N, C-alpha and C. Protein backbone atom coordinates (compact mmCIF):
# COMPACT_ATOMS: atom_id res chain seq x y z
N UNK A 1 -12.00 -1.94 -14.21
CA UNK A 1 -10.91 -1.79 -13.26
C UNK A 1 -9.79 -2.78 -13.55
N UNK A 2 -10.16 -4.06 -13.73
CA UNK A 2 -9.14 -5.07 -14.01
C UNK A 2 -8.39 -4.77 -15.30
N UNK A 3 -9.14 -4.39 -16.35
CA UNK A 3 -8.52 -4.09 -17.63
C UNK A 3 -7.56 -2.91 -17.53
N UNK A 4 -7.99 -1.84 -16.85
CA UNK A 4 -7.13 -0.65 -16.74
C UNK A 4 -5.93 -0.91 -15.83
N UNK A 5 -6.10 -1.71 -14.78
CA UNK A 5 -4.96 -2.05 -13.92
C UNK A 5 -3.91 -2.81 -14.73
N UNK A 6 -4.37 -3.73 -15.57
CA UNK A 6 -3.43 -4.48 -16.41
C UNK A 6 -2.72 -3.56 -17.39
N UNK A 7 -3.45 -2.65 -18.01
CA UNK A 7 -2.84 -1.73 -18.96
C UNK A 7 -1.83 -0.81 -18.29
N UNK A 8 -2.16 -0.32 -17.10
CA UNK A 8 -1.22 0.55 -16.40
C UNK A 8 0.04 -0.21 -16.00
N UNK A 9 -0.12 -1.45 -15.55
CA UNK A 9 1.04 -2.26 -15.17
C UNK A 9 1.93 -2.51 -16.38
N UNK A 10 1.33 -2.81 -17.53
CA UNK A 10 2.10 -3.03 -18.75
C UNK A 10 2.78 -1.75 -19.23
N UNK A 11 2.17 -0.59 -18.91
CA UNK A 11 2.74 0.69 -19.36
C UNK A 11 3.86 1.19 -18.46
N UNK A 12 4.04 0.57 -17.29
CA UNK A 12 5.02 1.05 -16.32
C UNK A 12 6.32 0.28 -16.46
N UNK A 13 7.38 0.97 -16.84
CA UNK A 13 8.69 0.34 -16.94
C UNK A 13 9.36 0.29 -15.57
N UNK A 14 9.32 1.39 -14.85
CA UNK A 14 9.98 1.42 -13.54
C UNK A 14 9.49 2.63 -12.75
N UNK A 15 9.70 2.58 -11.46
CA UNK A 15 9.48 3.76 -10.62
C UNK A 15 10.31 3.62 -9.36
N UNK A 16 10.50 4.72 -8.70
CA UNK A 16 11.17 4.71 -7.40
C UNK A 16 10.52 5.75 -6.51
N UNK A 17 10.64 5.52 -5.22
CA UNK A 17 10.14 6.49 -4.26
C UNK A 17 10.89 6.33 -2.95
N UNK A 18 10.52 7.17 -2.01
CA UNK A 18 11.00 7.00 -0.64
C UNK A 18 9.81 6.84 0.26
N UNK A 19 10.02 6.08 1.35
CA UNK A 19 8.93 5.83 2.30
C UNK A 19 9.46 6.04 3.71
N UNK A 20 8.58 6.53 4.54
CA UNK A 20 8.89 6.63 5.97
C UNK A 20 7.95 5.68 6.72
N UNK A 21 8.50 4.60 7.24
CA UNK A 21 7.74 3.65 8.06
C UNK A 21 7.88 4.07 9.53
N UNK A 22 6.80 3.99 10.26
CA UNK A 22 6.90 4.26 11.70
C UNK A 22 5.94 3.37 12.46
N UNK A 23 6.27 3.09 13.70
CA UNK A 23 5.41 2.27 14.56
C UNK A 23 5.54 2.77 15.99
N UNK A 24 4.42 2.79 16.71
CA UNK A 24 4.41 3.23 18.10
C UNK A 24 3.51 2.30 18.91
N UNK A 25 3.88 2.12 20.20
CA UNK A 25 3.05 1.41 21.16
C UNK A 25 3.15 2.16 22.48
N UNK A 26 2.12 2.96 22.83
CA UNK A 26 2.18 3.78 24.05
C UNK A 26 2.36 2.96 25.32
N UNK A 27 1.71 1.79 25.39
CA UNK A 27 1.81 1.00 26.62
C UNK A 27 3.22 0.49 26.85
N UNK A 28 3.87 0.05 25.78
CA UNK A 28 5.24 -0.44 25.90
C UNK A 28 6.27 0.68 25.81
N UNK A 29 5.78 1.88 25.49
CA UNK A 29 6.67 3.05 25.34
C UNK A 29 7.77 2.78 24.33
N UNK A 30 7.36 2.20 23.22
CA UNK A 30 8.31 1.92 22.15
C UNK A 30 7.86 2.58 20.87
N UNK A 31 8.82 3.07 20.12
CA UNK A 31 8.54 3.59 18.80
C UNK A 31 9.79 3.45 17.95
N UNK A 32 9.59 3.40 16.66
CA UNK A 32 10.71 3.23 15.74
C UNK A 32 10.31 3.77 14.39
N UNK A 33 11.30 4.05 13.58
CA UNK A 33 11.04 4.47 12.20
C UNK A 33 12.21 4.05 11.31
N UNK A 34 11.94 3.90 10.04
CA UNK A 34 12.98 3.74 9.04
C UNK A 34 12.56 4.53 7.81
N UNK A 35 13.52 5.08 7.12
CA UNK A 35 13.29 5.71 5.82
C UNK A 35 13.92 4.81 4.78
N UNK A 36 13.12 4.43 3.77
CA UNK A 36 13.52 3.41 2.81
C UNK A 36 13.41 3.97 1.40
N UNK A 37 14.37 3.64 0.58
CA UNK A 37 14.27 3.90 -0.86
C UNK A 37 13.78 2.63 -1.54
N UNK A 38 12.71 2.74 -2.33
CA UNK A 38 12.14 1.60 -3.03
C UNK A 38 12.30 1.79 -4.53
N UNK A 39 12.65 0.72 -5.22
CA UNK A 39 12.77 0.75 -6.68
C UNK A 39 12.02 -0.44 -7.27
N UNK A 40 11.19 -0.15 -8.28
CA UNK A 40 10.48 -1.20 -8.99
C UNK A 40 10.90 -1.18 -10.45
N UNK A 41 11.21 -2.36 -10.98
CA UNK A 41 11.51 -2.51 -12.41
C UNK A 41 10.74 -3.70 -12.93
N UNK A 42 10.00 -3.48 -14.01
CA UNK A 42 9.25 -4.59 -14.61
C UNK A 42 10.20 -5.44 -15.45
N UNK A 43 10.13 -6.77 -15.37
CA UNK A 43 9.20 -7.56 -14.54
C UNK A 43 9.85 -8.07 -13.26
N UNK A 44 10.97 -7.46 -12.85
CA UNK A 44 11.79 -8.03 -11.77
C UNK A 44 11.23 -7.79 -10.37
N UNK A 45 10.31 -6.83 -10.22
CA UNK A 45 9.76 -6.57 -8.91
C UNK A 45 10.47 -5.44 -8.18
N UNK A 46 10.42 -5.48 -6.86
CA UNK A 46 10.89 -4.36 -6.05
C UNK A 46 12.17 -4.70 -5.29
N UNK A 47 12.96 -3.65 -5.05
CA UNK A 47 14.14 -3.74 -4.19
C UNK A 47 14.10 -2.57 -3.23
N UNK A 48 14.67 -2.76 -2.02
CA UNK A 48 14.61 -1.74 -0.99
C UNK A 48 16.01 -1.48 -0.42
N UNK A 49 16.19 -0.23 -0.01
CA UNK A 49 17.44 0.15 0.65
C UNK A 49 17.11 1.09 1.81
N UNK A 50 17.55 0.73 3.01
CA UNK A 50 17.29 1.55 4.19
C UNK A 50 18.26 2.73 4.19
N UNK A 51 17.70 3.95 4.26
CA UNK A 51 18.50 5.17 4.25
C UNK A 51 18.72 5.73 5.64
N UNK A 52 17.75 5.49 6.52
CA UNK A 52 17.82 6.10 7.85
C UNK A 52 16.98 5.26 8.80
N UNK A 53 17.37 5.19 10.05
CA UNK A 53 16.62 4.42 11.04
C UNK A 53 16.74 5.09 12.40
N UNK A 54 15.77 4.79 13.27
CA UNK A 54 15.81 5.34 14.62
C UNK A 54 14.83 4.61 15.51
N UNK A 55 15.05 4.68 16.81
CA UNK A 55 14.14 4.04 17.76
C UNK A 55 14.50 2.59 18.00
N UNK A 56 13.51 1.81 18.40
CA UNK A 56 13.71 0.42 18.80
C UNK A 56 14.15 -0.45 17.64
N UNK A 57 15.29 -1.12 17.79
CA UNK A 57 15.76 -2.02 16.75
C UNK A 57 14.93 -3.31 16.72
N UNK A 58 14.37 -3.70 17.87
CA UNK A 58 13.53 -4.90 17.87
C UNK A 58 12.25 -4.67 17.06
N UNK A 59 11.68 -3.45 17.14
CA UNK A 59 10.52 -3.12 16.33
C UNK A 59 10.89 -3.15 14.86
N UNK A 60 12.04 -2.60 14.52
CA UNK A 60 12.48 -2.63 13.13
C UNK A 60 12.62 -4.06 12.64
N UNK A 61 13.24 -4.91 13.48
CA UNK A 61 13.50 -6.29 13.08
C UNK A 61 12.21 -7.11 12.97
N UNK A 62 11.25 -6.89 13.89
CA UNK A 62 10.05 -7.71 13.95
C UNK A 62 8.89 -7.17 13.13
N UNK A 63 8.92 -5.87 12.81
CA UNK A 63 7.80 -5.26 12.09
C UNK A 63 8.20 -4.82 10.68
N UNK A 64 9.19 -3.94 10.58
CA UNK A 64 9.52 -3.36 9.28
C UNK A 64 10.17 -4.36 8.33
N UNK A 65 11.15 -5.11 8.83
CA UNK A 65 11.86 -6.05 7.95
C UNK A 65 10.92 -7.10 7.36
N UNK A 66 10.06 -7.76 8.15
CA UNK A 66 9.11 -8.71 7.54
C UNK A 66 8.17 -8.06 6.53
N UNK A 67 7.73 -6.81 6.80
CA UNK A 67 6.85 -6.13 5.85
C UNK A 67 7.55 -5.94 4.51
N UNK A 68 8.80 -5.52 4.54
CA UNK A 68 9.54 -5.29 3.30
C UNK A 68 9.78 -6.60 2.56
N UNK A 69 10.08 -7.65 3.31
CA UNK A 69 10.31 -8.95 2.68
C UNK A 69 9.04 -9.46 2.01
N UNK A 70 7.89 -9.31 2.67
CA UNK A 70 6.62 -9.76 2.09
C UNK A 70 6.29 -8.96 0.84
N UNK A 71 6.48 -7.64 0.90
CA UNK A 71 6.18 -6.81 -0.27
C UNK A 71 7.09 -7.16 -1.44
N UNK A 72 8.34 -7.45 -1.15
CA UNK A 72 9.27 -7.81 -2.22
C UNK A 72 8.85 -9.10 -2.89
N UNK A 73 8.46 -10.11 -2.11
CA UNK A 73 8.01 -11.38 -2.68
C UNK A 73 6.74 -11.19 -3.49
N UNK A 74 5.78 -10.42 -2.94
CA UNK A 74 4.48 -10.25 -3.61
C UNK A 74 4.54 -9.32 -4.81
N UNK A 75 5.67 -8.67 -5.04
CA UNK A 75 5.78 -7.79 -6.21
C UNK A 75 6.17 -8.56 -7.47
N UNK A 76 6.46 -9.85 -7.32
CA UNK A 76 6.88 -10.66 -8.46
C UNK A 76 5.83 -11.72 -8.78
N UNK A 77 5.78 -12.11 -10.04
CA UNK A 77 4.90 -13.21 -10.44
C UNK A 77 5.52 -14.53 -9.95
N UNK A 78 4.71 -15.55 -9.60
CA UNK A 78 3.24 -15.57 -9.61
C UNK A 78 2.62 -15.06 -8.31
N UNK A 79 3.45 -14.68 -7.33
CA UNK A 79 2.89 -14.24 -6.05
C UNK A 79 2.00 -13.01 -6.23
N UNK A 80 2.39 -12.10 -7.15
CA UNK A 80 1.59 -10.89 -7.36
C UNK A 80 0.18 -11.22 -7.80
N UNK A 81 0.04 -12.20 -8.70
CA UNK A 81 -1.29 -12.57 -9.17
C UNK A 81 -2.17 -13.12 -8.05
N UNK A 82 -1.57 -13.73 -7.04
CA UNK A 82 -2.35 -14.32 -5.96
C UNK A 82 -2.88 -13.29 -4.97
N UNK A 83 -2.38 -12.04 -5.03
CA UNK A 83 -2.85 -11.00 -4.11
C UNK A 83 -3.47 -9.82 -4.85
N UNK A 84 -3.52 -9.87 -6.19
CA UNK A 84 -4.16 -8.80 -6.95
C UNK A 84 -5.61 -8.61 -6.51
N UNK A 85 -6.07 -7.36 -6.55
CA UNK A 85 -7.47 -7.09 -6.25
C UNK A 85 -8.25 -7.27 -7.55
N UNK A 86 -8.79 -8.47 -7.72
CA UNK A 86 -9.49 -8.84 -8.93
C UNK A 86 -10.50 -9.93 -8.59
N UNK A 87 -11.33 -10.28 -9.56
CA UNK A 87 -12.39 -11.27 -9.30
C UNK A 87 -11.83 -12.67 -9.06
N UNK A 88 -10.61 -12.92 -9.46
CA UNK A 88 -10.01 -14.23 -9.20
C UNK A 88 -9.77 -14.42 -7.69
N UNK A 89 -9.45 -13.32 -7.00
CA UNK A 89 -9.11 -13.41 -5.58
C UNK A 89 -10.18 -12.90 -4.64
N UNK A 90 -11.11 -12.07 -5.17
CA UNK A 90 -12.11 -11.43 -4.30
C UNK A 90 -13.50 -11.52 -4.90
N UNK A 91 -14.50 -11.53 -4.03
CA UNK A 91 -15.89 -11.33 -4.44
C UNK A 91 -16.24 -9.87 -4.21
N UNK A 92 -16.86 -9.22 -5.20
CA UNK A 92 -17.17 -7.80 -5.15
C UNK A 92 -18.66 -7.59 -4.99
N UNK A 93 -19.02 -6.65 -4.12
CA UNK A 93 -20.43 -6.29 -3.91
C UNK A 93 -20.53 -4.77 -3.95
N UNK A 94 -21.16 -4.22 -5.00
CA UNK A 94 -21.28 -2.76 -5.12
C UNK A 94 -22.16 -2.21 -4.01
N UNK A 95 -21.70 -1.13 -3.34
CA UNK A 95 -22.43 -0.55 -2.24
C UNK A 95 -22.99 0.84 -2.54
N UNK A 96 -22.19 1.71 -3.15
CA UNK A 96 -22.66 3.08 -3.38
C UNK A 96 -21.70 3.80 -4.30
N UNK A 97 -22.14 4.97 -4.75
CA UNK A 97 -21.24 5.89 -5.45
C UNK A 97 -20.93 7.04 -4.49
N UNK A 98 -19.66 7.19 -4.15
CA UNK A 98 -19.22 8.24 -3.23
C UNK A 98 -18.99 9.51 -4.05
N UNK A 99 -19.93 10.46 -3.96
CA UNK A 99 -19.82 11.68 -4.77
C UNK A 99 -18.66 12.55 -4.33
N UNK A 100 -18.35 12.54 -3.05
CA UNK A 100 -17.23 13.35 -2.56
C UNK A 100 -15.90 12.85 -3.13
N UNK A 101 -15.71 11.54 -3.13
CA UNK A 101 -14.46 10.95 -3.65
C UNK A 101 -14.52 10.72 -5.16
N UNK A 102 -15.74 10.88 -5.76
CA UNK A 102 -15.94 10.60 -7.18
C UNK A 102 -15.50 9.17 -7.49
N UNK A 103 -16.04 8.23 -6.71
CA UNK A 103 -15.58 6.85 -6.82
C UNK A 103 -16.71 5.88 -6.51
N UNK A 104 -16.62 4.70 -7.14
CA UNK A 104 -17.53 3.59 -6.84
C UNK A 104 -16.98 2.84 -5.63
N UNK A 105 -17.87 2.48 -4.72
CA UNK A 105 -17.46 1.80 -3.49
C UNK A 105 -17.95 0.35 -3.54
N UNK A 106 -17.03 -0.59 -3.32
CA UNK A 106 -17.36 -2.01 -3.32
C UNK A 106 -16.94 -2.63 -2.00
N UNK A 107 -17.76 -3.53 -1.50
CA UNK A 107 -17.35 -4.41 -0.41
C UNK A 107 -16.64 -5.60 -1.05
N UNK A 108 -15.49 -5.99 -0.50
CA UNK A 108 -14.75 -7.11 -1.07
C UNK A 108 -14.50 -8.17 0.01
N UNK A 109 -14.61 -9.42 -0.40
CA UNK A 109 -14.37 -10.56 0.48
C UNK A 109 -13.43 -11.52 -0.24
N UNK A 110 -12.44 -12.06 0.46
CA UNK A 110 -11.48 -12.95 -0.22
C UNK A 110 -12.13 -14.26 -0.64
N UNK A 111 -11.70 -14.78 -1.78
CA UNK A 111 -12.19 -16.06 -2.28
C UNK A 111 -11.27 -17.22 -1.88
N UNK A 112 -10.04 -16.90 -1.50
CA UNK A 112 -9.07 -17.94 -1.17
C UNK A 112 -8.58 -17.75 0.26
N UNK A 113 -7.77 -18.69 0.73
CA UNK A 113 -7.25 -18.64 2.10
C UNK A 113 -5.88 -17.97 2.18
N UNK A 114 -5.50 -17.27 1.13
CA UNK A 114 -4.21 -16.57 1.13
C UNK A 114 -4.15 -15.60 2.31
N UNK A 115 -3.13 -15.73 3.16
CA UNK A 115 -3.05 -14.94 4.38
C UNK A 115 -2.78 -13.46 4.14
N UNK A 116 -2.44 -13.09 2.91
CA UNK A 116 -2.16 -11.70 2.61
C UNK A 116 -3.37 -10.96 2.05
N UNK A 117 -4.50 -11.63 1.91
CA UNK A 117 -5.72 -10.99 1.44
C UNK A 117 -6.43 -10.29 2.60
N UNK A 118 -7.41 -9.45 2.26
CA UNK A 118 -8.12 -8.66 3.26
C UNK A 118 -9.61 -8.69 2.98
N UNK A 119 -10.40 -8.21 3.93
CA UNK A 119 -11.82 -7.95 3.70
C UNK A 119 -12.09 -6.51 4.09
N UNK A 120 -12.95 -5.87 3.31
CA UNK A 120 -13.23 -4.46 3.59
C UNK A 120 -13.86 -3.80 2.38
N UNK A 121 -13.51 -2.52 2.17
CA UNK A 121 -14.09 -1.74 1.07
C UNK A 121 -12.98 -1.12 0.22
N UNK A 122 -13.28 -0.99 -1.06
CA UNK A 122 -12.37 -0.29 -1.97
C UNK A 122 -13.14 0.81 -2.67
N UNK A 123 -12.44 1.90 -2.97
CA UNK A 123 -12.98 3.03 -3.72
C UNK A 123 -12.31 3.03 -5.09
N UNK A 124 -13.11 2.91 -6.16
CA UNK A 124 -12.59 2.85 -7.52
C UNK A 124 -12.91 4.17 -8.22
N UNK A 125 -11.88 4.88 -8.64
CA UNK A 125 -12.04 6.17 -9.28
C UNK A 125 -12.92 6.07 -10.51
N UNK A 126 -13.90 6.98 -10.63
CA UNK A 126 -14.90 6.90 -11.69
C UNK A 126 -14.33 7.27 -13.06
N UNK A 127 -13.21 7.98 -13.11
CA UNK A 127 -12.63 8.37 -14.40
C UNK A 127 -11.59 7.36 -14.90
N UNK A 128 -10.69 6.95 -14.01
CA UNK A 128 -9.58 6.09 -14.40
C UNK A 128 -9.79 4.63 -14.03
N UNK A 129 -10.84 4.33 -13.26
CA UNK A 129 -11.09 2.96 -12.80
C UNK A 129 -9.88 2.39 -12.07
N UNK A 130 -9.23 3.27 -11.29
CA UNK A 130 -8.10 2.87 -10.47
C UNK A 130 -8.53 2.89 -9.00
N UNK A 131 -7.95 2.02 -8.22
CA UNK A 131 -8.26 2.00 -6.79
C UNK A 131 -7.59 3.20 -6.13
N UNK A 132 -8.39 4.03 -5.47
CA UNK A 132 -7.84 5.21 -4.83
C UNK A 132 -7.89 5.15 -3.30
N UNK A 133 -8.59 4.16 -2.75
CA UNK A 133 -8.64 4.00 -1.30
C UNK A 133 -9.04 2.56 -0.97
N UNK A 134 -8.41 2.01 0.07
CA UNK A 134 -8.78 0.71 0.60
C UNK A 134 -8.92 0.86 2.10
N UNK A 135 -9.99 0.29 2.65
CA UNK A 135 -10.18 0.33 4.10
C UNK A 135 -10.69 -1.05 4.54
N UNK A 136 -10.04 -1.64 5.53
CA UNK A 136 -10.48 -2.96 5.95
C UNK A 136 -9.57 -3.58 6.99
N UNK A 137 -9.55 -4.92 6.99
CA UNK A 137 -8.74 -5.67 7.94
C UNK A 137 -8.24 -6.93 7.24
N UNK A 138 -7.17 -7.52 7.79
CA UNK A 138 -6.66 -8.76 7.24
C UNK A 138 -7.70 -9.86 7.38
N UNK A 139 -7.81 -10.69 6.35
CA UNK A 139 -8.78 -11.77 6.39
C UNK A 139 -8.42 -12.81 7.45
N UNK A 140 -7.12 -12.95 7.73
CA UNK A 140 -6.66 -13.88 8.75
C UNK A 140 -5.80 -13.13 9.76
N UNK A 141 -5.96 -13.45 11.03
CA UNK A 141 -5.12 -12.85 12.05
C UNK A 141 -3.68 -13.34 11.86
N UNK A 142 -2.71 -12.42 11.84
CA UNK A 142 -1.33 -12.85 11.60
C UNK A 142 -0.74 -13.69 12.71
N UNK A 143 -1.25 -13.56 13.95
CA UNK A 143 -0.73 -14.36 15.06
C UNK A 143 -1.71 -14.33 16.22
N UNK A 144 -1.45 -15.18 17.23
CA UNK A 144 -2.27 -15.23 18.43
C UNK A 144 -2.29 -13.89 19.14
N UNK A 145 -1.21 -13.14 19.05
CA UNK A 145 -1.06 -11.89 19.80
C UNK A 145 -1.89 -10.76 19.23
N UNK A 146 -2.35 -10.90 18.00
CA UNK A 146 -3.11 -9.84 17.34
C UNK A 146 -4.60 -10.12 17.46
N UNK A 147 -5.32 -9.23 18.16
CA UNK A 147 -6.77 -9.37 18.27
C UNK A 147 -7.47 -8.89 17.01
N UNK A 148 -7.05 -7.71 16.54
CA UNK A 148 -7.74 -7.11 15.40
C UNK A 148 -6.82 -6.10 14.73
N UNK A 149 -6.99 -5.98 13.41
CA UNK A 149 -6.26 -4.96 12.66
C UNK A 149 -7.26 -4.15 11.84
N UNK A 150 -6.94 -2.90 11.65
CA UNK A 150 -7.74 -2.04 10.77
C UNK A 150 -6.78 -1.13 10.04
N UNK A 151 -6.93 -1.07 8.72
CA UNK A 151 -5.99 -0.26 7.94
C UNK A 151 -6.72 0.61 6.93
N UNK A 152 -6.05 1.68 6.53
CA UNK A 152 -6.51 2.56 5.46
C UNK A 152 -5.33 2.80 4.54
N UNK A 153 -5.48 2.46 3.26
CA UNK A 153 -4.49 2.76 2.23
C UNK A 153 -5.05 3.86 1.34
N UNK A 154 -4.25 4.88 1.06
CA UNK A 154 -4.67 5.95 0.17
C UNK A 154 -3.71 6.05 -1.02
N UNK A 155 -4.29 6.31 -2.20
CA UNK A 155 -3.52 6.40 -3.43
C UNK A 155 -3.77 7.76 -4.10
N UNK A 156 -2.82 8.18 -4.93
CA UNK A 156 -2.97 9.42 -5.69
C UNK A 156 -2.45 9.20 -7.10
N UNK A 157 -2.89 10.08 -8.00
CA UNK A 157 -2.55 9.93 -9.41
C UNK A 157 -1.28 10.70 -9.76
N UNK A 158 -0.37 10.01 -10.46
CA UNK A 158 0.88 10.59 -10.95
C UNK A 158 0.96 10.29 -12.44
N UNK A 159 0.76 11.29 -13.29
CA UNK A 159 0.67 11.01 -14.71
C UNK A 159 -0.56 10.15 -14.95
N UNK A 160 -0.40 8.99 -15.59
CA UNK A 160 -1.52 8.05 -15.74
C UNK A 160 -1.53 7.01 -14.63
N UNK A 161 -0.51 7.02 -13.78
CA UNK A 161 -0.36 5.97 -12.78
C UNK A 161 -0.91 6.39 -11.43
N UNK A 162 -1.34 5.40 -10.67
CA UNK A 162 -1.83 5.61 -9.31
C UNK A 162 -0.89 4.89 -8.35
N UNK A 163 -0.26 5.66 -7.47
CA UNK A 163 0.69 5.10 -6.51
C UNK A 163 0.20 5.36 -5.09
N UNK A 164 0.62 4.51 -4.13
CA UNK A 164 0.24 4.76 -2.74
C UNK A 164 0.90 6.02 -2.19
N UNK A 165 0.18 6.75 -1.35
CA UNK A 165 0.73 7.94 -0.71
C UNK A 165 0.69 7.86 0.81
N UNK A 166 -0.21 7.06 1.35
CA UNK A 166 -0.28 6.96 2.81
C UNK A 166 -0.95 5.65 3.21
N UNK A 167 -0.45 5.08 4.30
CA UNK A 167 -1.00 3.84 4.85
C UNK A 167 -0.96 3.95 6.36
N UNK A 168 -2.08 3.73 7.01
CA UNK A 168 -2.09 3.68 8.47
C UNK A 168 -2.81 2.41 8.92
N UNK A 169 -2.19 1.69 9.85
CA UNK A 169 -2.74 0.46 10.38
C UNK A 169 -2.78 0.54 11.89
N UNK A 170 -3.94 0.25 12.47
CA UNK A 170 -4.10 0.16 13.92
C UNK A 170 -4.25 -1.31 14.28
N UNK A 171 -3.47 -1.74 15.26
CA UNK A 171 -3.45 -3.13 15.67
C UNK A 171 -3.78 -3.22 17.15
N UNK A 172 -4.74 -4.06 17.49
CA UNK A 172 -5.10 -4.30 18.89
C UNK A 172 -4.43 -5.60 19.33
N UNK A 173 -3.45 -5.49 20.25
CA UNK A 173 -2.64 -6.63 20.67
C UNK A 173 -3.12 -7.17 22.02
N UNK A 174 -3.04 -8.47 22.19
CA UNK A 174 -3.32 -9.07 23.49
C UNK A 174 -2.27 -8.59 24.49
N UNK A 175 -2.73 -8.13 25.64
CA UNK A 175 -1.88 -7.73 26.77
C UNK A 175 -1.12 -6.43 26.54
N UNK A 176 -0.88 -6.05 25.28
CA UNK A 176 -0.02 -4.90 25.01
C UNK A 176 -0.78 -3.71 24.45
N UNK A 177 -2.11 -3.82 24.30
CA UNK A 177 -2.90 -2.68 23.88
C UNK A 177 -2.76 -2.35 22.41
N UNK A 178 -3.00 -1.09 22.11
CA UNK A 178 -3.05 -0.65 20.72
C UNK A 178 -1.68 -0.21 20.22
N UNK A 179 -1.36 -0.64 19.02
CA UNK A 179 -0.17 -0.18 18.33
C UNK A 179 -0.59 0.46 17.02
N UNK A 180 0.18 1.44 16.59
CA UNK A 180 -0.09 2.13 15.32
C UNK A 180 1.13 2.02 14.43
N UNK A 181 0.89 1.65 13.19
CA UNK A 181 1.96 1.57 12.21
C UNK A 181 1.55 2.34 10.97
N UNK A 182 2.46 3.09 10.38
CA UNK A 182 2.11 3.87 9.20
C UNK A 182 3.25 3.94 8.21
N UNK A 183 2.88 4.28 6.98
CA UNK A 183 3.86 4.49 5.92
C UNK A 183 3.46 5.75 5.17
N UNK A 184 4.40 6.67 5.00
CA UNK A 184 4.21 7.84 4.14
C UNK A 184 5.13 7.68 2.94
N UNK A 185 4.59 7.87 1.74
CA UNK A 185 5.32 7.68 0.49
C UNK A 185 5.56 9.06 -0.15
N UNK A 186 6.75 9.28 -0.67
CA UNK A 186 7.05 10.59 -1.26
C UNK A 186 8.21 10.46 -2.25
N UNK A 187 8.51 11.58 -2.94
CA UNK A 187 9.60 11.66 -3.92
C UNK A 187 9.48 10.59 -5.02
N UNK A 188 8.33 10.56 -5.67
CA UNK A 188 8.13 9.60 -6.76
C UNK A 188 8.84 10.04 -8.03
N UNK A 189 9.44 9.07 -8.70
CA UNK A 189 9.90 9.23 -10.08
C UNK A 189 9.47 7.96 -10.82
N UNK A 190 9.04 8.12 -12.09
CA UNK A 190 8.58 6.95 -12.81
C UNK A 190 8.94 7.05 -14.28
N UNK A 191 9.01 5.89 -14.91
CA UNK A 191 9.34 5.81 -16.33
C UNK A 191 8.31 4.94 -17.03
N UNK A 192 7.51 5.52 -17.95
CA UNK A 192 6.53 4.71 -18.69
C UNK A 192 7.21 3.85 -19.75
N UNK A 193 6.51 2.82 -20.15
CA UNK A 193 7.05 1.88 -21.12
C UNK A 193 6.33 1.96 -22.46
N UNK A 194 4.99 1.97 -22.39
CA UNK A 194 4.18 2.06 -23.60
C UNK A 194 2.98 2.94 -23.32
N UNK A 195 2.25 3.26 -24.36
CA UNK A 195 1.03 4.04 -24.22
C UNK A 195 -0.06 3.21 -23.56
N UNK A 196 -0.86 3.83 -22.70
CA UNK A 196 -1.97 3.13 -22.05
C UNK A 196 -3.28 3.75 -22.48
N UNK A 197 -4.34 2.93 -22.59
CA UNK A 197 -5.64 3.44 -23.00
C UNK A 197 -6.46 3.99 -21.86
N UNK A 198 -5.99 3.87 -20.62
CA UNK A 198 -6.76 4.32 -19.46
C UNK A 198 -6.15 5.60 -18.89
N UNK A 199 -6.97 6.60 -18.66
CA UNK A 199 -6.48 7.84 -18.09
C UNK A 199 -5.84 8.71 -19.14
N UNK A 200 -5.11 9.72 -18.68
CA UNK A 200 -4.47 10.66 -19.60
C UNK A 200 -3.26 10.02 -20.26
N UNK A 201 -2.70 10.71 -21.26
CA UNK A 201 -1.58 10.16 -22.00
C UNK A 201 -0.36 10.02 -21.11
N UNK A 202 0.51 9.08 -21.47
CA UNK A 202 1.71 8.81 -20.69
C UNK A 202 2.66 9.99 -20.78
N UNK A 203 3.27 10.31 -19.66
CA UNK A 203 4.23 11.41 -19.62
C UNK A 203 5.62 10.84 -19.46
N UNK A 204 6.61 11.66 -19.78
CA UNK A 204 8.00 11.23 -19.66
C UNK A 204 8.42 11.19 -18.20
N UNK A 205 9.60 10.64 -17.96
CA UNK A 205 10.13 10.55 -16.60
C UNK A 205 10.11 11.91 -15.94
N UNK A 206 9.52 11.97 -14.76
CA UNK A 206 9.45 13.25 -14.07
C UNK A 206 9.30 13.02 -12.57
N UNK A 207 10.12 13.69 -11.78
CA UNK A 207 9.98 13.58 -10.33
C UNK A 207 8.86 14.47 -9.85
N UNK A 208 8.13 14.01 -8.86
CA UNK A 208 7.07 14.82 -8.28
C UNK A 208 7.11 14.64 -6.76
N UNK A 209 7.94 15.43 -6.06
CA UNK A 209 8.02 15.27 -4.62
C UNK A 209 6.66 15.51 -3.98
N UNK A 210 6.31 14.67 -3.07
CA UNK A 210 5.05 14.80 -2.34
C UNK A 210 5.39 15.20 -0.92
N UNK A 211 5.01 16.39 -0.53
CA UNK A 211 5.34 16.88 0.79
C UNK A 211 4.41 16.22 1.81
N UNK A 212 4.99 15.51 2.74
CA UNK A 212 4.22 14.81 3.76
C UNK A 212 4.47 15.48 5.10
N UNK A 213 3.40 15.95 5.71
CA UNK A 213 3.53 16.61 6.99
C UNK A 213 3.75 15.59 8.09
N UNK A 214 4.64 15.86 9.07
CA UNK A 214 4.86 14.91 10.17
C UNK A 214 3.56 14.70 10.94
N UNK A 215 3.34 13.46 11.35
CA UNK A 215 2.18 13.17 12.16
C UNK A 215 2.38 13.68 13.58
N UNK A 216 1.29 14.13 14.19
CA UNK A 216 1.35 14.71 15.51
C UNK A 216 1.89 13.67 16.51
N UNK A 217 2.85 14.10 17.30
CA UNK A 217 3.39 13.23 18.34
C UNK A 217 4.47 12.29 17.87
N UNK A 218 4.86 12.40 16.61
CA UNK A 218 5.92 11.52 16.08
C UNK A 218 6.97 12.37 15.40
N UNK A 219 8.16 12.29 15.89
CA UNK A 219 9.28 13.04 15.30
C UNK A 219 10.42 12.07 15.02
N UNK A 220 10.74 11.80 13.77
CA UNK A 220 11.84 10.89 13.45
C UNK A 220 13.16 11.40 14.03
C-alpha cells in the first residue's frame, strides 16, 4: 500500500475537481453549503475557489473555511507526510478480508499526537493496494463543544488514480445535538506525469464527471 501510494503520487502531475460541502443542524435550524473548485499541482499542493454559496454565513466561516485551510496546509510537504496513512503515523492491525468490497480491512491507531490523525478502519483494495474506504473518528476532540465525531470517506478509481468521491461526518455537540457535514466530489480531470507500476497503465488527461444525487432533505 505504501509503495503504491508513493508511486501514484509521483505519477500525478495535477488534477482538479468540484466539491459540494454542506452542513446541517436540525436543533439550531441552520444549514449551509458551498460549491468549491479545487486544483492540485505537484509539488505545490492545493488551491481552492468558491463558486457558489448559500445558507448560514456563520457556518461557512466556522466550518467550511477552516476545513479548506487545513486541507491546503496538509497538501504540502512536510505537513502531508505527518498525516499520511502509513506505518510512520499509524499502527495497523489486520482484521479481515471484505469479499464484498474486495479489500483488506485494517484497524488503525495513531502513533503520534497529531490532531489531524484518526482511529478507525481502512479498506485497502486487493488489486491496486489503494485505500478505498475509511471509517472512524478523530483521535482528538477538536474542542470542548464536540462530544464525538464519526466519519466515512469513500474513494473511487479514475484511470490508475484513486480520488475521494464522498465524505460524511456526524458530530455530536454539547447542548446543540447532532450536526451532519458532508462533501460530494465530482467533475474530475487529471494529468499524469510518469508511468506507475501499480494498477492499470496511465491514461491521458480526461474529464470524468461523476453524477452525485442530492441527499434527501438537502437542496442547495
